[in-house]
N, C-alpha and C. Protein backbone atom coordinates (compact mmCIF):
# COMPACT_ATOMS: atom_id res chain seq x y z
N MET A 1 47.29 85.08 21.75
CA MET A 1 46.05 85.39 21.06
C MET A 1 45.05 84.28 21.36
N LEU A 2 43.83 84.68 21.62
CA LEU A 2 42.76 83.73 21.93
C LEU A 2 41.49 84.21 21.26
N ALA A 3 40.80 83.33 20.60
CA ALA A 3 39.51 83.67 19.99
C ALA A 3 38.42 82.96 20.78
N VAL A 4 37.37 83.70 21.10
CA VAL A 4 36.27 83.15 21.88
C VAL A 4 34.95 83.47 21.16
N ARG A 5 34.14 82.45 20.99
CA ARG A 5 32.82 82.67 20.39
C ARG A 5 31.82 82.89 21.52
N LEU A 6 31.07 83.96 21.41
CA LEU A 6 30.09 84.30 22.43
C LEU A 6 28.69 84.26 21.83
N PRO A 7 27.71 83.89 22.64
CA PRO A 7 26.33 83.99 22.17
C PRO A 7 26.02 85.46 21.82
N LYS A 8 25.14 85.66 20.86
CA LYS A 8 24.82 87.01 20.39
C LYS A 8 24.41 87.93 21.53
N GLU A 9 23.64 87.45 22.47
CA GLU A 9 23.18 88.29 23.58
C GLU A 9 24.35 88.83 24.40
N ILE A 10 25.33 87.98 24.67
CA ILE A 10 26.49 88.42 25.44
C ILE A 10 27.35 89.36 24.60
N GLU A 11 27.52 89.04 23.33
CA GLU A 11 28.28 89.91 22.43
C GLU A 11 27.64 91.29 22.36
N ASP A 12 26.33 91.35 22.27
CA ASP A 12 25.63 92.63 22.20
C ASP A 12 25.82 93.43 23.49
N ARG A 13 25.72 92.76 24.63
CA ARG A 13 25.92 93.45 25.90
C ARG A 13 27.34 93.98 26.02
N LEU A 14 28.29 93.16 25.63
CA LEU A 14 29.69 93.56 25.69
C LEU A 14 29.97 94.74 24.75
N SER A 15 29.41 94.68 23.56
CA SER A 15 29.58 95.78 22.60
C SER A 15 28.99 97.07 23.13
N ARG A 16 27.80 96.99 23.71
CA ARG A 16 27.15 98.18 24.27
C ARG A 16 27.97 98.77 25.40
N LEU A 17 28.46 97.91 26.29
CA LEU A 17 29.28 98.37 27.41
C LEU A 17 30.54 99.06 26.90
N ALA A 18 31.20 98.46 25.93
CA ALA A 18 32.42 99.03 25.38
C ALA A 18 32.13 100.38 24.72
N ARG A 19 31.07 100.44 23.95
CA ARG A 19 30.72 101.66 23.25
C ARG A 19 30.39 102.79 24.23
N GLU A 20 29.61 102.47 25.26
CA GLU A 20 29.17 103.50 26.20
C GLU A 20 30.26 103.96 27.16
N THR A 21 31.30 103.16 27.34
CA THR A 21 32.37 103.52 28.28
C THR A 21 33.65 103.94 27.59
N GLY A 22 33.73 103.71 26.28
CA GLY A 22 34.93 104.09 25.55
C GLY A 22 36.10 103.13 25.75
N ARG A 23 35.82 101.97 26.29
CA ARG A 23 36.86 100.94 26.44
C ARG A 23 36.62 99.86 25.38
N THR A 24 37.62 98.99 25.22
CA THR A 24 37.47 97.93 24.23
C THR A 24 36.77 96.72 24.83
N LYS A 25 36.20 95.91 23.95
CA LYS A 25 35.61 94.65 24.41
C LYS A 25 36.69 93.77 25.02
N SER A 26 37.87 93.79 24.43
CA SER A 26 38.99 93.00 24.98
C SER A 26 39.30 93.39 26.41
N TYR A 27 39.21 94.67 26.70
CA TYR A 27 39.47 95.13 28.07
C TYR A 27 38.51 94.44 29.04
N TYR A 28 37.22 94.42 28.71
CA TYR A 28 36.24 93.84 29.62
C TYR A 28 36.35 92.32 29.71
N VAL A 29 36.68 91.68 28.62
CA VAL A 29 36.88 90.23 28.66
C VAL A 29 38.08 89.91 29.55
N ARG A 30 39.15 90.68 29.41
CA ARG A 30 40.35 90.47 30.23
C ARG A 30 40.03 90.70 31.71
N GLU A 31 39.29 91.77 32.01
CA GLU A 31 38.90 92.06 33.39
C GLU A 31 38.07 90.92 33.99
N ALA A 32 37.12 90.42 33.21
CA ALA A 32 36.26 89.33 33.69
C ALA A 32 37.09 88.09 33.99
N LEU A 33 38.01 87.76 33.10
CA LEU A 33 38.86 86.59 33.31
C LEU A 33 39.73 86.75 34.55
N LEU A 34 40.31 87.91 34.71
CA LEU A 34 41.16 88.13 35.89
C LEU A 34 40.38 88.00 37.18
N ARG A 35 39.15 88.49 37.18
CA ARG A 35 38.34 88.43 38.40
C ARG A 35 37.94 87.01 38.77
N TYR A 36 37.72 86.16 37.78
CA TYR A 36 37.21 84.82 38.06
C TYR A 36 38.24 83.71 37.93
N LEU A 37 39.39 84.00 37.36
CA LEU A 37 40.39 82.96 37.16
C LEU A 37 40.89 82.37 38.47
N ASP A 38 41.11 83.21 39.48
CA ASP A 38 41.55 82.70 40.78
C ASP A 38 40.56 81.69 41.35
N ASP A 39 39.27 82.03 41.28
CA ASP A 39 38.24 81.12 41.80
C ASP A 39 38.19 79.82 41.01
N LEU A 40 38.28 79.94 39.69
CA LEU A 40 38.26 78.73 38.85
C LEU A 40 39.46 77.85 39.14
N GLU A 41 40.64 78.46 39.26
CA GLU A 41 41.84 77.68 39.56
C GLU A 41 41.68 76.96 40.89
N ASP A 42 41.21 77.68 41.91
CA ASP A 42 41.02 77.06 43.22
C ASP A 42 40.07 75.88 43.14
N ALA A 43 38.96 76.07 42.47
CA ALA A 43 37.95 75.01 42.40
C ALA A 43 38.46 73.79 41.65
N TYR A 44 39.02 73.98 40.47
CA TYR A 44 39.46 72.85 39.67
C TYR A 44 40.69 72.16 40.24
N LEU A 45 41.61 72.95 40.80
CA LEU A 45 42.80 72.34 41.41
C LEU A 45 42.42 71.57 42.67
N ALA A 46 41.46 72.09 43.44
CA ALA A 46 41.00 71.38 44.64
C ALA A 46 40.31 70.08 44.24
N GLU A 47 39.51 70.12 43.19
CA GLU A 47 38.83 68.91 42.72
C GLU A 47 39.84 67.87 42.27
N ALA A 48 40.87 68.29 41.55
CA ALA A 48 41.90 67.37 41.09
C ALA A 48 42.67 66.77 42.27
N ALA A 49 42.97 67.61 43.27
CA ALA A 49 43.67 67.12 44.46
C ALA A 49 42.81 66.11 45.21
N TYR A 50 41.51 66.38 45.30
CA TYR A 50 40.60 65.46 45.98
C TYR A 50 40.53 64.13 45.24
N GLU A 51 40.47 64.17 43.93
CA GLU A 51 40.44 62.93 43.14
C GLU A 51 41.73 62.13 43.36
N ARG A 52 42.88 62.82 43.41
CA ARG A 52 44.15 62.13 43.68
C ARG A 52 44.14 61.51 45.07
N PHE A 53 43.58 62.23 46.04
CA PHE A 53 43.50 61.71 47.40
C PHE A 53 42.64 60.45 47.43
N LEU A 54 41.48 60.49 46.79
CA LEU A 54 40.61 59.31 46.75
C LEU A 54 41.30 58.13 46.09
N ALA A 55 42.00 58.38 45.00
CA ALA A 55 42.70 57.32 44.29
C ALA A 55 43.84 56.73 45.11
N SER A 56 44.42 57.54 46.00
CA SER A 56 45.55 57.06 46.81
C SER A 56 45.11 56.10 47.91
N ARG A 57 43.85 56.14 48.25
CA ARG A 57 43.26 55.31 49.30
C ARG A 57 43.90 55.60 50.67
N GLU A 58 44.50 56.78 50.82
CA GLU A 58 45.03 57.18 52.12
C GLU A 58 43.89 57.40 53.09
N GLU A 59 44.20 57.23 54.37
CA GLU A 59 43.19 57.45 55.40
C GLU A 59 43.10 58.94 55.70
N ALA A 60 41.89 59.44 55.80
CA ALA A 60 41.67 60.86 56.14
C ALA A 60 41.92 61.07 57.62
N VAL A 61 42.34 62.27 57.97
CA VAL A 61 42.56 62.64 59.37
C VAL A 61 41.50 63.67 59.73
N PRO A 62 40.70 63.42 60.78
CA PRO A 62 39.67 64.38 61.16
C PRO A 62 40.28 65.74 61.52
N ILE A 63 39.58 66.80 61.19
CA ILE A 63 40.07 68.15 61.44
C ILE A 63 40.37 68.37 62.92
N GLU A 64 39.57 67.77 63.78
CA GLU A 64 39.80 67.93 65.22
C GLU A 64 41.18 67.39 65.61
N GLU A 65 41.58 66.28 65.01
CA GLU A 65 42.89 65.71 65.30
C GLU A 65 44.02 66.60 64.77
N VAL A 66 43.82 67.16 63.59
CA VAL A 66 44.81 68.07 63.02
C VAL A 66 44.96 69.29 63.92
N GLU A 67 43.85 69.86 64.35
CA GLU A 67 43.89 71.04 65.22
C GLU A 67 44.59 70.70 66.54
N ARG A 68 44.27 69.55 67.09
CA ARG A 68 44.88 69.13 68.35
C ARG A 68 46.39 68.98 68.18
N ASN A 69 46.82 68.32 67.09
CA ASN A 69 48.24 68.12 66.83
C ASN A 69 48.99 69.43 66.61
N LEU A 70 48.28 70.43 66.11
CA LEU A 70 48.92 71.72 65.85
C LEU A 70 48.73 72.71 67.01
N GLY A 71 48.07 72.26 68.07
CA GLY A 71 47.84 73.13 69.23
C GLY A 71 46.83 74.24 68.94
N LEU A 72 45.87 73.97 68.10
CA LEU A 72 44.89 74.97 67.72
C LEU A 72 43.53 74.78 68.37
N GLU A 73 43.50 73.95 69.41
CA GLU A 73 42.22 73.68 70.09
C GLU A 73 41.73 74.93 70.80
N ASP A 74 40.43 75.00 70.99
CA ASP A 74 39.84 76.11 71.76
C ASP A 74 40.07 75.92 73.23
């Protein structure tokens, strides 16, 4: 169970959408979360990984070198 407070404007839009389509507000909130959760996870996990990399003080490897080592050159 999760409770979310929404600004009145968003609540009104969500209520209207639910009423006009015969679906619940919960349905649309769940759909919105599912659509954007992957992107949010990618962004925040990438940011955390980058911060860990910076803190490690490891040397970066240029992409060209990685491609060359993997035989991916053009």
